Amino acid sequence: MIYRLVHTLMFLCLIGEGFYVKNAYAQTSETFTVETEFRNSTISTPGWSRGGSSSLTGGSLDQEGSGWLRLTANTTYQIGYAAYMGTPVPAADKTLYVSFEYKMWGPDSTLADGFTFFLFDGARNTFRIGANGGSLGYAQKTGVPGLGSGYVGIGFDVFGNYSNPTEGRVGGTGSNSNTISVRGNEASNYAYVMGTSDSNVFDLSGSMSISRVSSRPVDAVSTRKVAMILTPTNQLTIFMQVGTGKMAPLFTADLSGQTRPETFRFGFAGTTGGSRQYAEIRDVVVTVYDALRWDNGSGDFYWNTADNWVGDVLPEESPLEDVKFDNQTGLTLRQDVNLNLMSHPLRTVTMDAPFAYRLYDGTLLFQSAVKGLSLNSTSRHGSAAHTVDADIVSTDLLTINIANPYPMTLNGAIDNGGYELRFTGDQGRINLNGVVSGYGGLTKEDAFDLYVNGDVDSLYRGDTLLLEGNIYLDVDPVSGVSRSALGRGVITLENGTELHLLQDNQIYDRSDMTMEGGTFYLNGNDELH
């Protein structure tokens, strides 16, 4: 149970089945961390406020050091919460990490309702819980307001009404049990943003909670761990580990339409209704740190010139880096950033400005002990077309995300390192022009358009999963030869996906294709397969 304000860079590492935390020296990043275990009969971390049905099981129902924060017991029509009201967490231009373990369980066959993790404006000094039942203590109900100054509420919904536009809630996909859903800020009337019910992620049925058990399950299969990453440009990615499986990304929600407060406070709320369950939380870590930001202070456009970075410190001097290119450091013109024919290790790269950025002549090496490797084109501070002419090498799952109406173009070669290459975004277009290689696969999510262009084959050997939106294949054909625009593995089109051929012979002859509701348009072209 630790509260600390530190001037070190924190690694939030995923090792084996869970997280641990360690510090590593970094002179460029101020990190604020709140870490609370909730395992004992008291909360030694200052600043927490509990209310409603919440209780601590340590020292009574469980031994000291082995307890949980119990939001709801196996009783109907409860609402319980724990809110961190201590020193506000810095939010502006910060990357925020959240991780915790939870268990929802009970003796009944039907369990309800669920719980939320929420962020709210740190300037608010009094706490107001949201509505009960399907609103999970965050959203509103008819006649009952939502969480005071709420910024985002992530609902872990067993019964299914958090995503339901009923009882005064705004937006949603209907009643969907065993789902995770995101609702927006108070200014949006806590409107539904997105969730697993509309993101074509793997089915969470049987994964959210454990029914028909009279005591808390303690085996490894019952493990439920969650991680969240909120980027400085308000891209929220949810990760989850079920049992002994891997910590896997579920979806990325674009919150860039919301005004981000200068600081955050946070907390949990759980509810029951006509059905009931135990909802329990522990081992909570919330940490933030600065991205390194480009200011072109020297004017020479070279990555390895220290004067080109805020604080005159190169990204390579820190072992874990988010790098951000924007117009918030006094820049007003296009920036062509020269990588000096070198490989640069980083965790994330974000381009966000009303003028174009181009990264070229080198390699972006995405590596980190922290899940959440990503390349982002966003429009929080303005929209422009951005280009990566550098090569990309990944050492774990890499998300390439667009939340920008202008295209992001990738011209360099991409080595997936044997891991999944994940493309996401609710708007805009990604041009994939370079060769993709490696034993990992490719997954396309969300509604943006993906264009696979160029004049050479993609050589990756993993499977291709097309979950949503339009994919256009436009690799220059060779007469009588089948190209491999989408690699050499199995290609699967899920419901609502459209695959368009813009030239002949785009599919590798030995690749199997599975149509699960998607549509394949030849557009007058020939396909040998």
Protein backbone atom coordinates (compact mmCIF):
# COMPACT_ATOMS: atom_id res chain seq x y z
CA MET A 1 0.00 0.00 0.00
CA ILE A 2 2.12 2.82 -1.29
CA TYR A 3 1.47 6.43 -2.15
CA ARG A 4 4.30 8.30 -3.76
CA LEU A 5 5.18 11.25 -5.97
CA VAL A 6 8.45 10.29 -7.61
CA HIS A 7 10.86 11.77 -10.14
CA THR A 8 11.66 8.42 -11.72
CA LEU A 9 10.27 6.62 -14.69
CA MET A 10 8.11 3.71 -13.71
CA PHE A 11 8.00 0.41 -15.51
CA LEU A 12 4.63 -1.28 -15.21
CA CYS A 13 5.71 -4.70 -16.33
CA LEU A 14 3.70 -7.67 -17.49
CA ILE A 15 5.53 -10.77 -16.33
CA GLY A 16 3.91 -14.20 -16.37
CA GLU A 17 0.32 -13.83 -15.27
CA GLY A 18 0.39 -10.30 -13.89
CA PHE A 19 1.94 -6.96 -13.20
CA TYR A 20 4.71 -5.87 -10.95
CA VAL A 21 6.18 -2.43 -10.53
CA LYS A 22 9.79 -1.33 -10.39
CA ASN A 23 11.59 1.97 -10.76
CA ALA A 24 14.26 2.83 -13.28
CA TYR A 25 16.17 6.07 -13.42
CA ALA A 26 15.10 8.52 -16.10
CA GLN A 27 15.92 12.18 -15.87
CA THR A 28 13.29 13.22 -18.41
CA SER A 29 10.02 12.00 -16.89
CA GLU A 30 8.17 13.00 -13.75
CA THR A 31 5.94 10.15 -12.66
CA PHE A 32 2.98 10.27 -10.28
CA THR A 33 1.82 6.93 -8.95
CA VAL A 34 -0.97 5.79 -6.65
CA GLU A 35 -0.63 2.13 -5.70
CA THR A 36 -3.19 0.50 -3.40
CA GLU A 37 -3.49 -3.21 -2.65
CA PHE A 38 -6.79 -3.25 -0.65
CA ARG A 39 -5.55 -6.46 0.99
CA ASN A 40 -5.82 -5.42 4.65
CA SER A 41 -8.43 -4.22 7.13
CA THR A 42 -7.42 -0.60 6.58
CA ILE A 43 -6.29 1.45 3.58
CA SER A 44 -2.89 2.91 4.36
CA THR A 45 -2.78 4.82 1.06
CA PRO A 46 -4.09 8.31 1.93
CA GLY A 47 -6.90 9.89 -0.01
CA TRP A 48 -9.38 7.05 -0.50
CA SER A 49 -13.06 7.47 0.38
CA ARG A 50 -15.40 4.47 0.56
CA GLY A 51 -19.18 4.46 0.67
CA GLY A 52 -22.36 2.52 0.09
CA SER A 53 -22.05 -1.25 0.33
CA SER A 54 -18.26 -1.32 -0.05
CA SER A 55 -16.16 -3.11 2.58
CA LEU A 56 -12.67 -4.50 3.14
CA THR A 57 -12.49 -8.25 3.64
CA GLY A 58 -8.94 -8.33 5.03
CA GLY A 59 -8.71 -9.09 8.76
CA SER A 60 -12.30 -10.41 8.89
CA LEU A 61 -13.50 -12.60 6.03
CA ASP A 62 -9.90 -13.01 4.80
CA GLN A 63 -6.56 -12.93 6.54
CA GLU A 64 -4.69 -9.64 6.73
CA GLY A 65 -2.72 -9.28 3.53
CA SER A 66 -5.09 -11.54 1.56
CA GLY A 67 -8.22 -9.40 1.40
CA TRP A 68 -10.16 -7.50 -1.25
CA LEU A 69 -12.11 -4.30 -1.67
CA ARG A 70 -15.64 -5.71 -1.88
CA LEU A 71 -17.88 -3.30 -3.77
CA THR A 72 -21.01 -5.45 -3.56
CA ALA A 73 -21.94 -8.50 -1.53
CA ASN A 74 -24.34 -11.22 -2.64
CA THR A 75 -27.34 -8.97 -1.92
CA THR A 76 -29.81 -7.35 -4.30
CA TYR A 77 -30.05 -3.61 -5.06
CA GLN A 78 -26.67 -2.49 -3.72
CA ILE A 79 -24.25 0.21 -4.79
CA GLY A 80 -20.75 0.51 -3.35
CA TYR A 81 -17.78 2.65 -4.29
CA ALA A 82 -14.22 3.66 -3.48
CA ALA A 83 -12.98 6.98 -4.85
CA TYR A 84 -9.45 8.36 -4.72
CA MET A 85 -9.85 11.93 -3.45
CA GLY A 86 -6.19 12.55 -2.64
CA THR A 87 -3.69 14.64 -4.56
CA PRO A 88 -5.05 14.88 -8.13
CA VAL A 89 -3.24 12.90 -10.81
CA PRO A 90 -1.63 15.11 -13.51
CA ALA A 91 -3.49 14.57 -16.79
CA ALA A 92 -2.55 17.15 -19.42
CA ASP A 93 -0.25 15.68 -22.08
CA LYS A 94 0.39 12.61 -19.93
CA THR A 95 0.25 8.89 -20.61
CA LEU A 96 -1.87 7.16 -17.97
CA TYR A 97 -1.61 3.49 -16.99
CA VAL A 98 -4.12 1.61 -14.86
CA SER A 99 -3.96 -2.00 -13.71
CA PHE A 100 -5.93 -4.03 -11.19
CA GLU A 101 -7.20 -7.50 -10.40
CA TYR A 102 -10.88 -8.28 -9.94
CA LYS A 103 -13.26 -11.14 -9.24
CA MET A 104 -17.02 -11.24 -9.73
CA TRP A 105 -18.66 -14.39 -8.43
CA GLY A 106 -21.68 -15.82 -6.64
CA PRO A 107 -23.81 -18.91 -6.02
CA ASP A 108 -26.61 -17.99 -8.44
CA SER A 109 -26.76 -18.99 -12.10
CA THR A 110 -27.52 -15.40 -13.17
CA LEU A 111 -25.24 -12.71 -11.75
CA ALA A 112 -25.58 -8.91 -11.84
CA ASP A 113 -24.78 -6.18 -12.39
CA GLY A 114 -21.06 -5.38 -12.55
CA PHE A 115 -18.63 -2.57 -11.76
CA THR A 116 -16.94 0.45 -13.34
CA PHE A 117 -13.51 1.97 -13.20
CA PHE A 118 -13.86 5.70 -13.75
CA LEU A 119 -11.85 8.89 -14.14
CA PHE A 120 -13.24 12.28 -13.18
CA ASP A 121 -12.02 15.87 -13.14
CA GLY A 122 -9.41 16.27 -10.41
CA ALA A 123 -10.60 19.82 -9.78
CA ARG A 124 -13.76 18.36 -8.21
CA ASN A 125 -13.24 18.12 -4.45
CA THR A 126 -16.52 16.40 -3.56
CA PHE A 127 -17.58 12.99 -4.79
CA ARG A 128 -20.99 12.19 -6.31
CA ILE A 129 -21.67 8.59 -7.26
CA GLY A 130 -23.70 7.78 -10.40
CA ALA A 131 -26.87 5.73 -10.66
CA ASN A 132 -27.32 2.14 -9.51
CA GLY A 133 -28.29 -0.99 -11.42
CA GLY A 134 -27.24 -1.09 -15.07
CA SER A 135 -25.64 2.35 -14.82
CA LEU A 136 -22.93 0.72 -12.66
CA GLY A 137 -22.45 3.77 -10.47
CA TYR A 138 -21.15 5.91 -13.36
CA ALA A 139 -23.90 6.74 -15.87
CA GLN A 140 -27.21 8.41 -15.10
CA LYS A 141 -30.72 7.04 -14.78
CA THR A 142 -34.01 8.86 -15.26
CA GLY A 143 -34.16 11.23 -12.32
CA VAL A 144 -30.71 10.23 -11.01
CA PRO A 145 -27.56 12.07 -12.20
CA GLY A 146 -24.38 10.35 -13.28
CA LEU A 147 -20.99 10.57 -11.63
CA GLY A 148 -20.02 14.14 -10.79
CA SER A 149 -17.54 15.62 -13.32
CA GLY A 150 -17.08 12.18 -14.88
CA TYR A 151 -14.56 11.92 -17.72
CA VAL A 152 -14.84 8.23 -18.67
CA GLY A 153 -16.42 5.14 -17.16
CA ILE A 154 -15.31 1.66 -18.20
CA GLY A 155 -18.04 -0.84 -17.34
CA PHE A 156 -17.39 -4.52 -16.62
CA ASP A 157 -20.93 -5.57 -17.24
CA VAL A 158 -22.13 -9.07 -16.34
CA PHE A 159 -25.87 -8.52 -16.76
CA GLY A 160 -25.70 -6.28 -19.84
CA ASN A 161 -27.50 -2.96 -19.30
CA TYR A 162 -24.50 -0.61 -19.16
CA SER A 163 -24.53 -0.65 -22.99
CA ASN A 164 -28.33 -0.36 -23.12
CA PRO A 165 -29.92 3.00 -24.08
CA THR A 166 -32.72 2.56 -21.53
CA GLU A 167 -33.57 4.12 -18.12
CA GLY A 168 -32.24 7.47 -19.33
CA ARG A 169 -28.83 6.30 -20.55
CA VAL A 170 -27.64 7.80 -23.84
CA GLY A 171 -26.55 5.60 -26.73
CA GLY A 172 -25.46 2.01 -26.81
CA THR A 173 -25.88 -1.30 -28.58
CA GLY A 174 -28.66 -2.73 -26.45
CA SER A 175 -28.55 -5.22 -23.61
CA ASN A 176 -25.33 -7.25 -23.91
CA SER A 177 -24.25 -9.51 -21.08
CA ASN A 178 -20.60 -10.26 -20.37
CA THR A 179 -19.24 -7.17 -22.09
CA ILE A 180 -16.88 -4.29 -21.40
CA SER A 181 -18.20 -0.89 -22.48
CA VAL A 182 -16.96 2.69 -22.36
CA ARG A 183 -19.17 5.69 -21.61
CA GLY A 184 -18.01 9.26 -22.03
CA ASN A 185 -17.92 12.39 -19.90
CA GLU A 186 -20.62 14.32 -18.08
CA ALA A 187 -20.70 16.93 -20.87
CA SER A 188 -21.75 14.19 -23.33
CA ASN A 189 -24.44 13.02 -20.89
CA TYR A 190 -22.30 9.90 -20.32
CA ALA A 191 -22.88 8.82 -23.91
CA TYR A 192 -21.88 5.35 -25.04
CA VAL A 193 -18.54 5.34 -26.88
CA MET A 194 -17.79 1.71 -27.74
CA GLY A 195 -17.31 -1.72 -26.26
CA THR A 196 -16.79 -5.39 -26.85
CA SER A 197 -20.35 -5.81 -28.13
CA ASP A 198 -19.55 -3.74 -31.24
CA SER A 199 -15.83 -4.27 -31.66
CA ASN A 200 -15.65 -7.85 -32.91
CA VAL A 201 -13.31 -8.82 -30.07
CA PHE A 202 -13.25 -12.36 -28.78
CA ASP A 203 -16.36 -13.48 -26.92
CA LEU A 204 -16.20 -12.69 -23.20
CA SER A 205 -19.10 -15.00 -22.31
CA GLY A 206 -18.10 -17.04 -19.30
CA SER A 207 -15.08 -14.79 -18.79
CA MET A 208 -16.43 -11.79 -16.88
CA SER A 209 -17.65 -13.59 -13.78
CA ILE A 210 -17.87 -17.02 -12.16
CA SER A 211 -21.35 -18.28 -11.24
CA ARG A 212 -22.60 -21.19 -9.16
CA VAL A 213 -19.80 -20.97 -6.59
CA SER A 214 -20.44 -20.54 -2.86
CA SER A 215 -16.96 -19.23 -2.03
CA ARG A 216 -14.45 -17.08 -3.84
CA PRO A 217 -12.59 -19.22 -6.43
CA VAL A 218 -8.84 -19.14 -5.86
CA ASP A 219 -7.46 -21.31 -8.67
CA ALA A 220 -5.37 -19.82 -11.51
CA VAL A 221 -8.25 -20.23 -13.96
CA SER A 222 -10.31 -17.70 -11.99
CA THR A 223 -7.72 -14.93 -12.41
CA ARG A 224 -9.05 -11.72 -13.97
CA LYS A 225 -6.58 -8.87 -14.53
CA VAL A 226 -7.10 -5.63 -16.41
CA ALA A 227 -4.80 -2.98 -17.84
CA MET A 228 -5.69 0.33 -19.47
CA ILE A 229 -3.58 2.86 -21.33
CA LEU A 230 -4.81 6.40 -22.04
CA THR A 231 -2.48 8.25 -24.42
CA PRO A 232 -1.86 12.02 -24.29
CA THR A 233 -4.22 12.35 -27.26
CA ASN A 234 -7.05 10.46 -25.53
CA GLN A 235 -6.81 7.04 -27.15
CA LEU A 236 -7.94 4.48 -24.56
CA THR A 237 -6.90 0.84 -24.96
CA ILE A 238 -8.35 -1.87 -22.70
CA PHE A 239 -6.39 -5.08 -22.02
CA MET A 240 -7.59 -8.15 -20.14
CA GLN A 241 -6.15 -11.43 -18.91
CA VAL A 242 -8.54 -14.33 -18.31
CA GLY A 243 -7.24 -17.25 -16.30
CA THR A 244 -3.84 -18.44 -17.41
CA GLY A 245 -4.17 -16.79 -20.82
CA LYS A 246 -2.20 -13.83 -22.09
CA MET A 247 -2.90 -10.19 -21.35
CA ALA A 248 -4.59 -9.25 -24.63
CA PRO A 249 -5.95 -5.98 -26.07
CA LEU A 250 -9.72 -5.84 -26.40
CA PHE A 251 -10.31 -2.53 -28.20
CA THR A 252 -9.16 1.07 -28.50
CA ALA A 253 -11.72 3.82 -27.86
CA ASP A 254 -11.26 7.32 -29.27
CA LEU A 255 -12.00 9.94 -26.60
CA SER A 256 -10.42 12.83 -28.49
CA GLY A 257 -13.79 14.57 -28.82
CA GLN A 258 -13.84 15.13 -25.06
CA THR A 259 -12.12 17.99 -23.26
CA ARG A 260 -9.40 16.52 -21.09
CA PRO A 261 -9.08 18.05 -17.61
CA GLU A 262 -5.76 19.22 -16.24
CA THR A 263 -5.91 16.57 -13.50
CA PHE A 264 -7.75 13.33 -12.78
CA ARG A 265 -9.19 11.59 -9.78
CA PHE A 266 -10.43 8.01 -10.12
CA GLY A 267 -12.28 5.18 -8.47
CA PHE A 268 -14.48 2.09 -8.67
CA ALA A 269 -18.22 1.53 -8.26
CA GLY A 270 -20.19 -1.72 -8.19
CA THR A 271 -23.91 -2.40 -8.32
CA THR A 272 -26.46 -5.19 -8.05
CA GLY A 273 -30.13 -5.20 -9.03
CA GLY A 274 -32.75 -7.91 -8.96
CA SER A 275 -29.85 -10.32 -9.42
CA ARG A 276 -26.72 -10.20 -7.30
CA GLN A 277 -23.07 -11.13 -6.99
CA TYR A 278 -19.84 -10.36 -5.19
CA ALA A 279 -17.69 -7.76 -7.00
CA GLU A 280 -14.16 -7.39 -5.63
CA ILE A 281 -11.04 -5.38 -6.54
CA ARG A 282 -7.42 -5.32 -5.41
CA ASP A 283 -3.82 -4.50 -6.44
CA VAL A 284 -4.67 -1.17 -8.07
CA VAL A 285 -1.91 0.83 -9.78
CA VAL A 286 -2.51 4.20 -11.45
CA THR A 287 0.56 5.95 -12.86
CA VAL A 288 1.27 8.75 -15.32
CA TYR A 289 4.35 10.17 -16.98
CA ASP A 290 5.33 12.65 -19.64
CA ALA A 291 5.89 11.93 -23.30
CA LEU A 292 9.10 13.30 -24.80
CA ARG A 293 8.14 16.07 -27.21
CA TRP A 294 9.79 17.41 -30.35
CA ASP A 295 10.38 21.16 -30.55
CA ASN A 296 13.03 21.39 -33.34
CA GLY A 297 14.96 23.78 -31.13
CA SER A 298 18.15 23.50 -33.22
CA GLY A 299 16.36 23.80 -36.55
CA ASP A 300 18.40 20.96 -38.10
CA PHE A 301 15.56 18.33 -38.02
CA TYR A 302 17.86 15.53 -36.76
CA TRP A 303 16.43 13.13 -34.16
CA ASN A 304 19.83 12.82 -32.46
CA THR A 305 20.22 16.54 -31.82
CA ALA A 306 19.33 17.06 -28.16
CA ASP A 307 18.21 20.65 -28.76
CA ASN A 308 15.36 19.32 -30.89
CA TRP A 309 13.57 17.90 -27.83
CA VAL A 310 11.81 19.63 -24.95
CA GLY A 311 14.30 19.68 -22.09
CA ASP A 312 17.14 19.05 -24.59
CA VAL A 313 17.19 15.33 -23.70
CA LEU A 314 17.17 12.58 -26.35
CA PRO A 315 14.61 9.76 -26.16
CA GLU A 316 17.46 7.20 -26.10
CA GLU A 317 18.48 8.42 -22.64
CA SER A 318 15.38 6.83 -21.10
CA PRO A 319 14.65 3.08 -21.16
CA LEU A 320 10.91 3.52 -21.74
CA GLU A 321 9.67 6.28 -24.00
CA ASP A 322 6.51 7.73 -25.42
CA VAL A 323 7.42 10.23 -28.14
CA LYS A 324 5.00 12.91 -29.30
CA PHE A 325 5.16 15.19 -32.34
CA ASP A 326 2.69 18.08 -32.16
CA ASN A 327 2.36 21.85 -32.48
CA GLN A 328 2.24 22.61 -28.77
CA THR A 329 5.92 23.55 -28.46
CA GLY A 330 5.77 26.62 -30.73
CA LEU A 331 6.04 24.85 -34.09
CA THR A 332 3.96 26.09 -37.02
CA LEU A 333 5.37 24.35 -40.12
CA ARG A 334 5.85 20.88 -41.61
CA GLN A 335 8.49 18.80 -39.85
CA ASP A 336 10.66 16.22 -41.68
CA VAL A 337 12.42 14.38 -38.87
CA ASN A 338 15.64 12.60 -39.89
CA LEU A 339 16.35 9.46 -37.85
CA ASN A 340 20.06 9.51 -38.78
CA LEU A 341 20.03 6.01 -40.33
CA MET A 342 19.78 4.62 -36.80
CA SER A 343 17.39 2.38 -34.86
CA HIS A 344 15.53 4.22 -32.11
CA PRO A 345 13.90 2.22 -29.27
CA LEU A 346 10.51 3.50 -28.08
CA ARG A 347 7.15 2.39 -26.73
CA THR A 348 4.81 4.74 -28.57
CA VAL A 349 4.96 7.40 -31.28
CA THR A 350 2.13 9.91 -31.68
CA MET A 351 1.80 12.51 -34.46
CA ASP A 352 -0.80 15.17 -33.69
CA ALA A 353 -0.65 18.58 -35.39
CA PRO A 354 -2.38 20.76 -38.01
CA PHE A 355 0.71 20.40 -40.22
CA ALA A 356 2.40 17.28 -41.58
CA TYR A 357 5.09 15.23 -39.88
CA ARG A 358 7.38 12.87 -41.78
CA LEU A 359 9.81 10.45 -40.09
CA TYR A 360 12.50 9.06 -42.40
CA ASP A 361 15.95 7.45 -42.82
CA GLY A 362 16.09 5.04 -39.93
CA THR A 363 14.15 2.50 -37.88
CA LEU A 364 11.48 2.85 -35.21
CA LEU A 365 12.12 -0.04 -32.80
CA PHE A 366 8.99 -0.63 -30.74
CA GLN A 367 9.99 -2.40 -27.57
CA SER A 368 8.98 -2.20 -23.92
CA ALA A 369 8.29 -4.29 -20.87
CA VAL A 370 4.89 -2.56 -20.84
CA LYS A 371 2.04 -3.68 -23.04
CA GLY A 372 0.80 -0.94 -25.35
CA LEU A 373 3.30 -0.52 -28.18
CA SER A 374 1.62 1.86 -30.61
CA LEU A 375 2.02 4.24 -33.55
CA ASN A 376 -0.70 6.89 -33.58
CA SER A 377 -1.97 9.60 -35.90
CA THR A 378 -4.44 11.74 -33.96
CA SER A 379 -6.12 15.12 -34.23
CA ARG A 380 -6.49 16.49 -30.73
CA HIS A 381 -4.53 19.62 -31.69
CA GLY A 382 -5.32 19.64 -35.41
CA SER A 383 -5.44 17.39 -38.47
CA ALA A 384 -2.85 16.70 -41.16
CA ALA A 385 -1.54 13.83 -43.26
CA HIS A 386 1.47 12.17 -41.60
CA THR A 387 4.06 9.85 -43.16
CA VAL A 388 6.47 7.25 -41.82
CA ASP A 389 9.22 6.60 -44.36
CA ALA A 390 11.28 4.83 -41.69
CA ASP A 391 11.29 1.08 -41.18
CA ILE A 392 9.37 -0.37 -38.25
CA VAL A 393 10.45 -3.29 -36.07
CA SER A 394 8.25 -4.60 -33.26
CA THR A 395 9.10 -6.89 -30.36
CA ASP A 396 5.49 -7.40 -29.18
CA LEU A 397 1.95 -6.72 -30.33
CA LEU A 398 1.97 -3.35 -32.10
CA THR A 399 -1.15 -1.20 -32.57
CA ILE A 400 -1.20 1.25 -35.47
CA ASN A 401 -4.04 3.63 -34.73
CA ILE A 402 -5.63 6.50 -36.65
CA ALA A 403 -8.01 9.06 -35.16
CA ASN A 404 -7.49 11.68 -37.85
CA PRO A 405 -9.53 12.45 -40.99
CA TYR A 406 -6.30 12.79 -43.01
CA PRO A 407 -4.31 9.70 -44.14
CA MET A 408 -1.36 8.13 -42.36
CA THR A 409 1.07 6.59 -44.85
CA LEU A 410 3.57 3.87 -43.96
CA ASN A 411 6.23 3.47 -46.64
CA GLY A 412 8.93 1.61 -44.74
CA ALA A 413 9.30 -2.13 -44.23
CA ILE A 414 7.54 -3.55 -41.16
CA ASP A 415 8.95 -6.55 -39.26
CA ASN A 416 6.25 -7.79 -36.88
CA GLY A 417 8.75 -9.82 -34.86
CA GLY A 418 6.41 -12.80 -34.78
CA TYR A 419 3.63 -10.82 -33.07
CA GLU A 420 0.26 -9.47 -34.18
CA LEU A 421 0.15 -6.22 -36.12
CA ARG A 422 -3.11 -4.50 -35.11
CA PHE A 423 -4.70 -1.65 -37.12
CA THR A 424 -7.42 0.42 -35.42
CA GLY A 425 -9.30 3.68 -35.92
CA ASP A 426 -12.82 5.01 -36.29
CA GLN A 427 -11.99 7.54 -39.01
CA GLY A 428 -9.43 8.28 -41.69
CA ARG A 429 -7.27 6.10 -43.90
CA ILE A 430 -4.04 4.17 -43.47
CA ASN A 431 -1.87 3.54 -46.54
CA LEU A 432 0.26 0.44 -46.00
CA ASN A 433 2.89 0.64 -48.75
CA GLY A 434 5.88 -1.24 -47.32
CA VAL A 435 6.65 -4.92 -47.06
CA VAL A 436 5.29 -6.62 -43.93
CA SER A 437 7.33 -9.61 -42.80
CA GLY A 438 7.55 -11.95 -39.83
CA TYR A 439 5.66 -14.92 -38.44
CA GLY A 440 2.94 -12.82 -36.79
CA GLY A 441 -0.46 -11.99 -38.25
CA LEU A 442 -2.44 -8.85 -39.11
CA THR A 443 -5.76 -7.74 -37.61
CA LYS A 444 -7.87 -4.82 -38.85
CA GLU A 445 -10.48 -3.42 -36.48
CA ASP A 446 -12.90 -0.49 -36.63
CA ALA A 447 -14.34 1.59 -39.48
CA PHE A 448 -11.29 3.32 -41.01
CA ASP A 449 -10.12 2.42 -44.54
CA LEU A 450 -6.98 0.33 -44.97
CA TYR A 451 -5.22 0.53 -48.36
CA VAL A 452 -2.51 -2.05 -49.06
CA ASN A 453 -0.43 -0.58 -51.89
CA GLY A 454 3.05 -0.88 -53.37
CA ASP A 455 4.87 -3.10 -55.83
CA VAL A 456 6.17 -5.98 -53.67
CA ASP A 457 4.66 -8.85 -51.71
CA SER A 458 3.99 -8.85 -48.01
CA LEU A 459 5.81 -11.87 -46.62
CA TYR A 460 4.28 -12.24 -43.18
CA ARG A 461 3.18 -15.79 -42.46
CA GLY A 462 0.55 -15.27 -39.79
CA ASP A 463 -3.18 -15.14 -40.40
CA THR A 464 -5.11 -12.04 -41.45
CA LEU A 465 -8.29 -11.19 -39.54
CA LEU A 466 -10.48 -8.45 -41.04
CA LEU A 467 -13.06 -7.47 -38.43
CA GLU A 468 -14.62 -4.23 -39.64
CA GLY A 469 -14.50 -1.53 -42.32
CA ASN A 470 -13.07 -1.50 -45.84
CA ILE A 471 -9.78 -3.01 -47.06
CA TYR A 472 -8.45 -2.17 -50.53
CA LEU A 473 -5.74 -4.27 -52.20
CA ASP A 474 -3.75 -2.34 -54.78
CA VAL A 475 -0.35 -4.01 -55.02
CA ASP A 476 1.06 -3.74 -58.57
CA PRO A 477 0.26 -7.03 -60.30
CA VAL A 478 2.64 -9.29 -62.18
CA SER A 479 1.08 -11.02 -65.19
CA GLY A 480 -0.08 -14.52 -64.28
CA VAL A 481 1.40 -14.34 -60.78
CA SER A 482 -0.48 -14.22 -57.48
CA ARG A 483 0.77 -11.51 -55.14
CA SER A 484 0.49 -11.75 -51.36
CA ALA A 485 -0.93 -8.37 -50.43
CA LEU A 486 -2.28 -9.91 -47.20
CA GLY A 487 0.51 -12.31 -46.43
CA ARG A 488 0.50 -16.08 -46.72
CA GLY A 489 -1.76 -17.24 -43.90
CA VAL A 490 -5.52 -17.72 -43.62
CA ILE A 491 -7.62 -14.64 -44.46
CA THR A 492 -10.89 -14.24 -42.52
CA LEU A 493 -13.58 -11.66 -43.31
CA GLU A 494 -15.98 -11.08 -40.42
CA ASN A 495 -19.52 -9.75 -40.75
CA GLY A 496 -19.67 -6.24 -42.21
CA THR A 497 -16.13 -6.23 -43.58
CA GLU A 498 -15.58 -5.36 -47.25
CA LEU A 499 -12.47 -6.54 -49.12
CA HIS A 500 -11.95 -4.76 -52.45
CA LEU A 501 -9.55 -5.75 -55.23
CA LEU A 502 -8.28 -2.71 -57.11
CA GLN A 503 -5.90 -4.73 -59.32
CA ASP A 504 -5.56 -8.35 -60.44
CA ASN A 505 -4.06 -11.22 -58.45
CA GLN A 506 -3.75 -9.79 -54.96
CA ILE A 507 -4.28 -12.97 -52.90
CA TYR A 508 -1.57 -15.60 -52.44
CA ASP A 509 -2.63 -18.81 -54.21
CA ARG A 510 -2.05 -21.02 -51.18
CA SER A 511 -3.93 -18.81 -48.74
CA ASP A 512 -7.29 -20.05 -47.53
CA MET A 513 -10.06 -17.48 -47.27
CA THR A 514 -12.95 -17.74 -44.82
CA MET A 515 -16.06 -15.61 -45.35
CA GLU A 516 -18.00 -15.12 -42.11
CA GLY A 517 -20.45 -12.51 -43.31
CA GLY A 518 -17.97 -10.21 -45.04
CA THR A 519 -18.08 -9.25 -48.72
CA PHE A 520 -15.35 -9.73 -51.34
CA TYR A 521 -15.53 -7.29 -54.29
CA LEU A 522 -13.53 -8.13 -57.42
CA ASN A 523 -14.42 -4.78 -59.04
CA GLY A 524 -13.85 -6.27 -62.49
CA ASN A 525 -10.42 -7.68 -61.60
CA ASP A 526 -9.21 -11.27 -61.82
CA GLU A 527 -8.09 -13.35 -58.85
CA LEU A 528 -6.23 -16.57 -59.57
CA HIS A 529 -6.99 -18.14 -56.20
